[in-house]
Amino acid sequence: MEQSLRERVQQVLNTHPGQRVCRFDYQGNYFWLKQAEILHGTQRVLKPNPQQALEHEKSTLLLLKNNSAPVPRIVDSGAGYFVVEDAGITLKDWLNSPLIDDEMLQQILEDSARALAGLHNMGFAHGRPALRDISWRQGQVTFIDFEAHHPEKSLLFQYMRDLVVYIHSLYRYLGPVNDKIARVIECYRNAGGEQIWQETKRFLASWQWLYYLLRPFRDIGGRDIRPVYWLLWHFRHA
């Protein structure tokens, strides 16, 4: 008798108990199993209830999918886990892929910027749209991993946070290729994100003192510090 998807999921659960994220195949297709995080030591105090966090992410995905947002479809769920369809390679992985050239990579990044603007125009935010949390396959952008989604904040704040995280991630993984990144952000602005970009620029104006403080570290700082300088540079010079 042919194994059902639910049976395959139970098999993976049995062989990967407590593993937070696991990719598996079923009938020639890939899926991702996500389980509630197992916390140890001080993590139990510093992090929220992992079961509640998982249920929150699941309900967020269901809401977004029901509104035709570009998120993966949940195909199975149960106590302490859910399973989504594979959405393709993440933007972070595309950066090092030998399958594409610079022109194709630019197209992928610009597609992601338009998709982020589209998500915002639908009235939704991601929470942490870093390049590792955005997938692209044959022109289709999919946002994954909504653990950092914070609906208690105002929508404008969520949109601005998304944009800051997104631009920071571009500089983190691409480096200070300002012209390339400017073209990507131009796509976001032209796809309906202009007002959010302008609001973000106004918000960051009070943080521009960091621009001078971080300037000596723009080339030698850590992978999280350097992008902050170039993020501020972007809004300062755009």
C-alpha atoms as a PDB file:
ATOM      1  CA  MET A   1       0.000   0.000   0.000  1.00  0.00           C
ATOM      2  CA  GLU A   2       1.301   3.447  -0.938  1.00  0.00           C
ATOM      3  CA  GLN A   3       2.476   5.544   2.000  1.00  0.00           C
ATOM      4  CA  SER A   4       0.339   8.637   2.682  1.00  0.00           C
ATOM      5  CA  LEU A   5       1.802  12.074   3.364  1.00  0.00           C
ATOM      6  CA  ARG A   6       0.629  11.895   6.983  1.00  0.00           C
ATOM      7  CA  GLU A   7       2.390   8.551   7.402  1.00  0.00           C
ATOM      8  CA  ARG A   8       5.566  10.015   5.890  1.00  0.00           C
ATOM      9  CA  VAL A   9       5.356  12.968   8.274  1.00  0.00           C
ATOM     10  CA  GLN A  10       4.968  10.652  11.258  1.00  0.00           C
ATOM     11  CA  GLN A  11       7.997   8.726  10.041  1.00  0.00           C
ATOM     12  CA  VAL A  12      10.071  11.920   9.927  1.00  0.00           C
ATOM     13  CA  LEU A  13       8.808  12.955  13.363  1.00  0.00           C
ATOM     14  CA  ASN A  14       9.915   9.598  14.754  1.00  0.00           C
ATOM     15  CA  THR A  15      13.384   9.802  13.199  1.00  0.00           C
ATOM     16  CA  HIS A  16      13.961  13.508  13.970  1.00  0.00           C
ATOM     17  CA  PRO A  17      12.418  14.061  17.413  1.00  0.00           C
ATOM     18  CA  GLY A  18      12.784  17.648  18.560  1.00  0.00           C
ATOM     19  CA  GLN A  19      14.616  18.808  15.420  1.00  0.00           C
ATOM     20  CA  ARG A  20      13.358  22.319  14.846  1.00  0.00           C
ATOM     21  CA  VAL A  21      13.381  22.288  11.033  1.00  0.00           C
ATOM     22  CA  CYS A  22      13.792  19.296   8.752  1.00  0.00           C
ATOM     23  CA  ARG A  23      13.448  18.886   4.981  1.00  0.00           C
ATOM     24  CA  PHE A  24      12.137  15.593   3.635  1.00  0.00           C
ATOM     25  CA  ASP A  25      10.914  14.193   0.338  1.00  0.00           C
ATOM     26  CA  TYR A  26       7.593  12.573  -0.516  1.00  0.00           C
ATOM     27  CA  GLN A  27       6.660  11.271  -3.965  1.00  0.00           C
ATOM     28  CA  GLY A  28       9.368  13.314  -5.660  1.00  0.00           C
ATOM     29  CA  ASN A  29       8.586  16.603  -3.911  1.00  0.00           C
ATOM     30  CA  TYR A  30      10.269  18.303  -0.951  1.00  0.00           C
ATOM     31  CA  PHE A  31       8.537  19.492   2.199  1.00  0.00           C
ATOM     32  CA  TRP A  32       9.643  21.173   5.428  1.00  0.00           C
ATOM     33  CA  LEU A  33       8.691  19.936   8.870  1.00  0.00           C
ATOM     34  CA  LYS A  34       8.840  22.527  11.623  1.00  0.00           C
ATOM     35  CA  GLN A  35       8.579  21.555  15.279  1.00  0.00           C
ATOM     36  CA  ALA A  36       8.313  23.594  18.455  1.00  0.00           C
ATOM     37  CA  GLU A  37      11.756  24.665  19.606  1.00  0.00           C
ATOM     38  CA  ILE A  38      13.230  22.815  22.583  1.00  0.00           C
ATOM     39  CA  LEU A  39      14.705  25.409  24.935  1.00  0.00           C
ATOM     40  CA  HIS A  40      17.613  24.848  27.279  1.00  0.00           C
ATOM     41  CA  GLY A  41      19.043  26.820  30.189  1.00  0.00           C
ATOM     42  CA  THR A  42      18.522  30.594  30.061  1.00  0.00           C
ATOM     43  CA  GLN A  43      16.659  30.276  26.749  1.00  0.00           C
ATOM     44  CA  ARG A  44      13.641  29.179  28.754  1.00  0.00           C
ATOM     45  CA  VAL A  45      13.546  32.636  30.338  1.00  0.00           C
ATOM     46  CA  LEU A  46      14.662  34.768  27.393  1.00  0.00           C
ATOM     47  CA  LYS A  47      12.399  33.244  24.741  1.00  0.00           C
ATOM     48  CA  PRO A  48       8.594  32.998  24.627  1.00  0.00           C
ATOM     49  CA  ASN A  49       6.679  29.749  24.923  1.00  0.00           C
ATOM     50  CA  PRO A  50       7.881  27.726  21.893  1.00  0.00           C
ATOM     51  CA  GLN A  51       4.553  25.935  21.464  1.00  0.00           C
ATOM     52  CA  GLN A  52       2.701  29.251  21.402  1.00  0.00           C
ATOM     53  CA  ALA A  53       5.286  30.657  18.976  1.00  0.00           C
ATOM     54  CA  LEU A  54       4.768  27.701  16.632  1.00  0.00           C
ATOM     55  CA  GLU A  55       0.980  28.035  16.775  1.00  0.00           C
ATOM     56  CA  HIS A  56       1.278  31.762  16.155  1.00  0.00           C
ATOM     57  CA  GLU A  57       3.425  31.175  13.079  1.00  0.00           C
ATOM     58  CA  LYS A  58       1.010  28.521  11.810  1.00  0.00           C
ATOM     59  CA  SER A  59      -2.008  30.821  12.196  1.00  0.00           C
ATOM     60  CA  THR A  60      -0.092  33.635  10.491  1.00  0.00           C
ATOM     61  CA  LEU A  61       0.718  31.427   7.504  1.00  0.00           C
ATOM     62  CA  LEU A  62      -2.900  30.274   7.245  1.00  0.00           C
ATOM     63  CA  LEU A  63      -4.177  33.858   7.359  1.00  0.00           C
ATOM     64  CA  LEU A  64      -1.716  35.027   4.720  1.00  0.00           C
ATOM     65  CA  LYS A  65      -2.370  32.071   2.434  1.00  0.00           C
ATOM     66  CA  ASN A  66      -6.118  32.601   2.693  1.00  0.00           C
ATOM     67  CA  ASN A  67      -5.487  36.148   1.454  1.00  0.00           C
ATOM     68  CA  SER A  68      -3.354  34.944  -1.481  1.00  0.00           C
ATOM     69  CA  ALA A  69      -0.097  36.234   0.005  1.00  0.00           C
ATOM     70  CA  PRO A  70       3.143  34.677  -1.317  1.00  0.00           C
ATOM     71  CA  VAL A  71       3.718  32.190   1.511  1.00  0.00           C
ATOM     72  CA  PRO A  72       4.114  28.389   1.489  1.00  0.00           C
ATOM     73  CA  ARG A  73       1.032  26.207   1.881  1.00  0.00           C
ATOM     74  CA  ILE A  74       0.611  24.179   5.047  1.00  0.00           C
ATOM     75  CA  VAL A  75      -0.073  20.589   4.019  1.00  0.00           C
ATOM     76  CA  ASP A  76      -0.176  18.920   7.430  1.00  0.00           C
ATOM     77  CA  SER A  77      -0.110  19.911  11.089  1.00  0.00           C
ATOM     78  CA  GLY A  78      -0.545  18.462  14.514  1.00  0.00           C
ATOM     79  CA  ALA A  79       0.431  18.954  18.142  1.00  0.00           C
ATOM     80  CA  GLY A  80       3.844  20.615  18.150  1.00  0.00           C
ATOM     81  CA  TYR A  81       4.487  20.696  14.398  1.00  0.00           C
ATOM     82  CA  PHE A  82       3.364  21.752  10.937  1.00  0.00           C
ATOM     83  CA  VAL A  83       4.516  20.921   7.407  1.00  0.00           C
ATOM     84  CA  VAL A  84       4.804  23.278   4.433  1.00  0.00           C
ATOM     85  CA  GLU A  85       5.624  22.797   0.784  1.00  0.00           C
ATOM     86  CA  ASP A  86       9.162  23.574  -0.326  1.00  0.00           C
ATOM     87  CA  ALA A  87       9.332  27.028  -1.938  1.00  0.00           C
ATOM     88  CA  GLY A  88      12.706  26.771  -3.660  1.00  0.00           C
ATOM     89  CA  ILE A  89      16.150  28.171  -2.999  1.00  0.00           C
ATOM     90  CA  THR A  90      16.492  31.148  -0.650  1.00  0.00           C
ATOM     91  CA  LEU A  91      17.998  34.409  -1.872  1.00  0.00           C
ATOM     92  CA  LYS A  92      20.971  33.851   0.411  1.00  0.00           C
ATOM     93  CA  ASP A  93      21.716  30.568  -1.372  1.00  0.00           C
ATOM     94  CA  TRP A  94      21.124  32.063  -4.825  1.00  0.00           C
ATOM     95  CA  LEU A  95      23.973  34.488  -4.113  1.00  0.00           C
ATOM     96  CA  ASN A  96      26.460  31.614  -4.260  1.00  0.00           C
ATOM     97  CA  SER A  97      24.730  29.550  -6.925  1.00  0.00           C
ATOM     98  CA  PRO A  98      26.783  28.624 -10.037  1.00  0.00           C
ATOM     99  CA  LEU A  99      23.502  28.273 -11.961  1.00  0.00           C
ATOM    100  CA  ILE A 100      22.983  32.010 -12.524  1.00  0.00           C
ATOM    101  CA  ASP A 101      24.950  35.043 -13.687  1.00  0.00           C
ATOM    102  CA  ASP A 102      24.989  38.593 -12.289  1.00  0.00           C
ATOM    103  CA  GLU A 103      22.092  39.688 -14.481  1.00  0.00           C
ATOM    104  CA  MET A 104      19.889  36.844 -13.288  1.00  0.00           C
ATOM    105  CA  LEU A 105      20.842  37.479  -9.670  1.00  0.00           C
ATOM    106  CA  GLN A 106      19.859  41.124 -10.045  1.00  0.00           C
ATOM    107  CA  GLN A 107      16.493  40.027 -11.442  1.00  0.00           C
ATOM    108  CA  ILE A 108      15.933  37.697  -8.479  1.00  0.00           C
ATOM    109  CA  LEU A 109      16.719  40.468  -5.991  1.00  0.00           C
ATOM    110  CA  GLU A 110      14.463  42.919  -7.787  1.00  0.00           C
ATOM    111  CA  ASP A 111      11.650  40.351  -7.843  1.00  0.00           C
ATOM    112  CA  SER A 112      12.009  40.022  -4.069  1.00  0.00           C
ATOM    113  CA  ALA A 113      11.782  43.796  -3.589  1.00  0.00           C
ATOM    114  CA  ARG A 114       8.584  43.980  -5.638  1.00  0.00           C
ATOM    115  CA  ALA A 115       7.158  41.045  -3.685  1.00  0.00           C
ATOM    116  CA  LEU A 116       7.907  42.774  -0.376  1.00  0.00           C
ATOM    117  CA  ALA A 117       6.135  45.908  -1.574  1.00  0.00           C
ATOM    118  CA  GLY A 118       3.253  43.707  -2.709  1.00  0.00           C
ATOM    119  CA  LEU A 119       3.024  42.073   0.713  1.00  0.00           C
ATOM    120  CA  HIS A 120       2.906  45.505   2.342  1.00  0.00           C
ATOM    121  CA  ASN A 121       0.297  46.716  -0.131  1.00  0.00           C
ATOM    122  CA  MET A 122      -1.871  43.750   0.884  1.00  0.00           C
ATOM    123  CA  GLY A 123      -1.743  44.980   4.475  1.00  0.00           C
ATOM    124  CA  PHE A 124       0.708  42.403   5.815  1.00  0.00           C
ATOM    125  CA  ALA A 125       4.252  42.469   7.172  1.00  0.00           C
ATOM    126  CA  HIS A 126       6.825  39.713   7.517  1.00  0.00           C
ATOM    127  CA  GLY A 127       8.780  40.675  10.624  1.00  0.00           C
ATOM    128  CA  ARG A 128      12.234  39.653   9.421  1.00  0.00           C
ATOM    129  CA  PRO A 129      12.518  39.558   5.599  1.00  0.00           C
ATOM    130  CA  ALA A 130      16.221  38.763   5.508  1.00  0.00           C
ATOM    131  CA  LEU A 131      17.559  37.098   2.353  1.00  0.00           C
ATOM    132  CA  ARG A 132      17.611  33.728   4.126  1.00  0.00           C
ATOM    133  CA  ASP A 133      13.841  34.038   4.713  1.00  0.00           C
ATOM    134  CA  ILE A 134      12.860  34.737   1.089  1.00  0.00           C
ATOM    135  CA  SER A 135      12.729  32.014  -1.562  1.00  0.00           C
ATOM    136  CA  TRP A 136      12.663  32.356  -5.338  1.00  0.00           C
ATOM    137  CA  ARG A 137      11.771  29.761  -7.945  1.00  0.00           C
ATOM    138  CA  GLN A 138      11.067  30.449 -11.622  1.00  0.00           C
ATOM    139  CA  GLY A 139      10.066  34.040 -10.977  1.00  0.00           C
ATOM    140  CA  GLN A 140       7.914  33.218  -7.945  1.00  0.00           C
ATOM    141  CA  VAL A 141       8.922  34.812  -4.647  1.00  0.00           C
ATOM    142  CA  THR A 142       7.826  33.154  -1.401  1.00  0.00           C
ATOM    143  CA  PHE A 143       8.273  34.508   2.114  1.00  0.00           C
ATOM    144  CA  ILE A 144       9.113  31.896   4.741  1.00  0.00           C
ATOM    145  CA  ASP A 145       9.713  31.788   8.498  1.00  0.00           C
ATOM    146  CA  PHE A 146       7.273  34.190  10.155  1.00  0.00           C
ATOM    147  CA  GLU A 147       8.567  33.641  13.704  1.00  0.00           C
ATOM    148  CA  ALA A 148       9.482  37.323  14.057  1.00  0.00           C
ATOM    149  CA  HIS A 149       6.014  38.559  13.050  1.00  0.00           C
ATOM    150  CA  HIS A 150       4.760  41.093  15.643  1.00  0.00           C
ATOM    151  CA  PRO A 151       1.115  42.048  14.973  1.00  0.00           C
ATOM    152  CA  GLU A 152       0.908  44.040  18.221  1.00  0.00           C
ATOM    153  CA  LYS A 153       2.940  46.831  16.587  1.00  0.00           C
ATOM    154  CA  SER A 154       1.357  49.366  14.221  1.00  0.00           C
ATOM    155  CA  LEU A 155       1.342  48.335  10.568  1.00  0.00           C
ATOM    156  CA  LEU A 156       3.503  51.310   9.609  1.00  0.00           C
ATOM    157  CA  PHE A 157       6.101  50.319  12.192  1.00  0.00           C
ATOM    158  CA  GLN A 158       6.031  46.731  10.906  1.00  0.00           C
ATOM    159  CA  TYR A 159       6.494  47.888   7.305  1.00  0.00           C
ATOM    160  CA  MET A 160       9.411  50.129   8.237  1.00  0.00           C
ATOM    161  CA  ARG A 161      10.999  47.359  10.274  1.00  0.00           C
ATOM    162  CA  ASP A 162      10.645  45.026   7.305  1.00  0.00           C
ATOM    163  CA  LEU A 163      12.334  47.514   5.011  1.00  0.00           C
ATOM    164  CA  VAL A 164      15.199  48.162   7.425  1.00  0.00           C
ATOM    165  CA  VAL A 165      15.815  44.432   7.924  1.00  0.00           C
ATOM    166  CA  TYR A 166      15.620  43.818   4.185  1.00  0.00           C
ATOM    167  CA  ILE A 167      18.124  46.543   3.253  1.00  0.00           C
ATOM    168  CA  HIS A 168      20.415  45.548   6.135  1.00  0.00           C
ATOM    169  CA  SER A 169      20.360  41.979   4.812  1.00  0.00           C
ATOM    170  CA  LEU A 170      21.189  43.125   1.281  1.00  0.00           C
ATOM    171  CA  TYR A 171      24.286  44.917   2.565  1.00  0.00           C
ATOM    172  CA  ARG A 172      25.141  42.026   4.886  1.00  0.00           C
ATOM    173  CA  TYR A 173      25.323  39.468   2.106  1.00  0.00           C
ATOM    174  CA  LEU A 174      26.225  41.603  -0.927  1.00  0.00           C
ATOM    175  CA  GLY A 175      28.537  44.143   0.695  1.00  0.00           C
ATOM    176  CA  PRO A 176      28.562  47.872  -0.189  1.00  0.00           C
ATOM    177  CA  VAL A 177      27.523  47.458  -3.830  1.00  0.00           C
ATOM    178  CA  ASN A 178      25.491  50.641  -3.554  1.00  0.00           C
ATOM    179  CA  ASP A 179      24.386  50.981  -7.178  1.00  0.00           C
ATOM    180  CA  LYS A 180      23.137  47.390  -7.320  1.00  0.00           C
ATOM    181  CA  ILE A 181      21.261  47.707  -4.036  1.00  0.00           C
ATOM    182  CA  ALA A 182      19.852  51.105  -5.019  1.00  0.00           C
ATOM    183  CA  ARG A 183      18.300  49.503  -8.127  1.00  0.00           C
ATOM    184  CA  VAL A 184      16.748  46.800  -5.961  1.00  0.00           C
ATOM    185  CA  ILE A 185      15.232  49.336  -3.550  1.00  0.00           C
ATOM    186  CA  GLU A 186      14.042  51.435  -6.472  1.00  0.00           C
ATOM    187  CA  CYS A 187      11.935  48.427  -7.470  1.00  0.00           C
ATOM    188  CA  TYR A 188      10.397  48.357  -3.999  1.00  0.00           C
ATOM    189  CA  ARG A 189       9.599  52.052  -4.182  1.00  0.00           C
ATOM    190  CA  ASN A 190       8.123  51.835  -7.673  1.00  0.00           C
ATOM    191  CA  ALA A 191       5.987  48.815  -6.736  1.00  0.00           C
ATOM    192  CA  GLY A 192       4.023  50.779  -4.157  1.00  0.00           C
ATOM    193  CA  GLY A 193       6.550  51.171  -1.364  1.00  0.00           C
ATOM    194  CA  GLU A 194       7.474  54.827  -1.873  1.00  0.00           C
ATOM    195  CA  GLN A 195       5.517  56.145   1.112  1.00  0.00           C
ATOM    196  CA  ILE A 196       6.965  53.478   3.408  1.00  0.00           C
ATOM    197  CA  TRP A 197      10.468  54.255   2.149  1.00  0.00           C
ATOM    198  CA  GLN A 198       9.930  57.967   2.822  1.00  0.00           C
ATOM    199  CA  GLU A 199       8.551  57.262   6.315  1.00  0.00           C
ATOM    200  CA  THR A 200      11.544  55.025   7.026  1.00  0.00           C
ATOM    201  CA  LYS A 201      13.906  57.759   5.882  1.00  0.00           C
ATOM    202  CA  ARG A 202      12.230  60.230   8.238  1.00  0.00           C
ATOM    203  CA  PHE A 203      12.363  57.728  11.089  1.00  0.00           C
ATOM    204  CA  LEU A 204      16.066  57.037  10.585  1.00  0.00           C
ATOM    205  CA  ALA A 205      16.943  60.737  10.410  1.00  0.00           C
ATOM    206  CA  SER A 206      17.202  60.773  14.205  1.00  0.00           C
ATOM    207  CA  TRP A 207      19.639  57.847  14.031  1.00  0.00           C
ATOM    208  CA  GLN A 208      22.025  59.416  11.565  1.00  0.00           C
ATOM    209  CA  TRP A 209      24.458  60.207  14.389  1.00  0.00           C
ATOM    210  CA  LEU A 210      25.344  56.512  14.156  1.00  0.00           C
ATOM    211  CA  TYR A 211      26.530  57.151  10.614  1.00  0.00           C
ATOM    212  CA  TYR A 212      29.546  59.090  11.933  1.00  0.00           C
ATOM    213  CA  LEU A 213      30.091  56.757  14.866  1.00  0.00           C
ATOM    214  CA  LEU A 214      30.189  53.675  12.621  1.00  0.00           C
ATOM    215  CA  ARG A 215      32.105  55.238   9.753  1.00  0.00           C
ATOM    216  CA  PRO A 216      35.520  53.918  10.941  1.00  0.00           C
ATOM    217  CA  PHE A 217      34.011  50.408  10.922  1.00  0.00           C
ATOM    218  CA  ARG A 218      32.377  50.557   7.488  1.00  0.00           C
ATOM    219  CA  ASP A 219      35.001  48.197   6.047  1.00  0.00           C
ATOM    220  CA  ILE A 220      36.331  46.371   9.090  1.00  0.00           C
ATOM    221  CA  GLY A 221      33.308  45.983  11.374  1.00  0.00           C
ATOM    222  CA  GLY A 222      31.461  42.724  11.911  1.00  0.00           C
ATOM    223  CA  ARG A 223      28.874  41.394   9.496  1.00  0.00           C
ATOM    224  CA  ASP A 224      26.102  43.008  11.532  1.00  0.00           C
ATOM    225  CA  ILE A 225      27.819  46.358  12.204  1.00  0.00           C
ATOM    226  CA  ARG A 226      28.997  47.188   8.667  1.00  0.00           C
ATOM    227  CA  PRO A 227      25.504  46.857   7.135  1.00  0.00           C
ATOM    228  CA  VAL A 228      24.132  49.357   9.674  1.00  0.00           C
ATOM    229  CA  TYR A 229      26.553  51.987   8.379  1.00  0.00           C
ATOM    230  CA  TRP A 230      25.631  51.286   4.743  1.00  0.00           C
ATOM    231  CA  LEU A 231      21.927  51.178   5.589  1.00  0.00           C
ATOM    232  CA  LEU A 232      22.213  54.698   6.984  1.00  0.00           C
ATOM    233  CA  TRP A 233      24.368  55.643   3.964  1.00  0.00           C
ATOM    234  CA  HIS A 234      21.572  54.484   1.645  1.00  0.00           C
ATOM    235  CA  PHE A 235      18.950  56.728   3.210  1.00  0.00           C
ATOM    236  CA  ARG A 236      21.426  59.583   3.555  1.00  0.00           C
ATOM    237  CA  HIS A 237      22.393  59.608  -0.125  1.00  0.00           C
ATOM    238  CA  ALA A 238      19.285  58.329  -1.911  1.00  0.00           C
END
